[in-house]
């Protein structure tokens, strides 16, 4: 992947080289994080970043963490 087209869809980006300077580079609390992990595995990426993704949401994450399903 690379170059996010649909801003509503998760868009992980392959990370090459030294990632120390790019931290924080993943949003592990995002609702789409599991889907992005799946994408990275399918593409056989050793690392990925959320830096170009505009689909970040935490609704499900907050509901699961707090036990509240009416957070909003």
Protein backbone atom coordinates (compact mmCIF):
# COMPACT_ATOMS: atom_id res chain seq x y z
CA UNK A 1 0.00 0.00 0.00
CA UNK A 2 1.05 3.61 0.03
CA UNK A 3 -0.56 6.84 -1.01
CA UNK A 4 -3.94 6.71 0.70
CA UNK A 5 -6.79 7.15 -1.75
CA UNK A 6 -9.94 6.67 0.35
CA UNK A 7 -9.61 8.68 3.57
CA UNK A 8 -12.27 6.52 5.26
CA UNK A 9 -10.30 3.28 4.78
CA UNK A 10 -7.30 2.28 6.88
CA UNK A 11 -4.03 2.90 5.08
CA UNK A 12 -0.91 1.34 6.62
CA UNK A 13 2.37 2.28 4.96
CA UNK A 14 5.42 0.04 4.65
CA UNK A 15 8.35 1.26 6.76
CA UNK A 16 11.82 0.73 5.35
CA UNK A 17 15.11 1.38 7.11
CA UNK A 18 15.57 2.87 10.59
CA UNK A 19 12.25 3.59 12.26
CA UNK A 20 13.64 5.18 15.42
CA UNK A 21 13.23 8.69 14.00
CA UNK A 22 9.61 8.06 13.01
CA UNK A 23 8.21 7.31 16.47
CA UNK A 24 5.37 7.33 17.31
CA UNK A 25 4.51 5.63 14.08
CA UNK A 26 1.62 3.34 15.00
CA UNK A 27 -1.72 4.12 16.58
CA UNK A 28 -2.33 0.87 18.45
CA UNK A 29 -5.56 2.17 19.99
CA UNK A 30 -7.17 2.65 16.56
CA UNK A 31 -10.22 0.54 15.73
CA UNK A 32 -8.55 -0.45 12.43
CA UNK A 33 -5.22 -1.56 13.95
CA UNK A 34 -6.04 -5.27 13.66
CA UNK A 35 -6.97 -4.85 9.99
CA UNK A 36 -3.68 -3.06 9.36
CA UNK A 37 -1.76 -5.84 11.09
CA UNK A 38 -3.52 -8.29 8.79
CA UNK A 39 -2.54 -6.20 5.75
CA UNK A 40 1.09 -6.09 6.88
CA UNK A 41 1.12 -9.87 7.34
CA UNK A 42 -0.48 -10.54 3.95
CA UNK A 43 2.04 -8.23 2.27
CA UNK A 44 4.90 -9.77 4.28
CA UNK A 45 5.97 -6.39 5.67
CA UNK A 46 8.41 -6.41 8.57
CA UNK A 47 7.08 -3.05 9.81
CA UNK A 48 4.40 -0.48 9.00
CA UNK A 49 3.34 3.02 9.97
CA UNK A 50 0.03 4.78 10.45
CA UNK A 51 1.59 8.13 9.51
CA UNK A 52 -0.39 8.63 6.28
CA UNK A 53 -3.71 7.24 7.50
CA UNK A 54 -6.70 9.51 8.06
CA UNK A 55 -9.09 6.74 9.15
CA UNK A 56 -8.04 6.78 12.84
CA UNK A 57 -10.94 6.11 15.22
CA UNK A 58 -11.09 4.88 18.81
CA UNK A 59 -14.79 4.19 19.32
CA UNK A 60 -14.57 0.39 19.66
CA UNK A 61 -11.30 0.65 21.60
CA UNK A 62 -12.87 2.96 24.20
CA UNK A 63 -16.00 0.81 24.46
CA UNK A 64 -13.93 -2.31 25.07
CA UNK A 65 -11.58 -0.61 27.52
CA UNK A 66 -14.32 1.03 29.57
CA UNK A 67 -17.10 -1.50 29.16
CA UNK A 68 -19.36 1.32 27.97
CA UNK A 69 -21.26 0.86 24.76
CA UNK A 70 -22.81 4.33 24.87
CA UNK A 71 -19.59 6.33 25.21
CA UNK A 72 -20.72 8.94 22.71
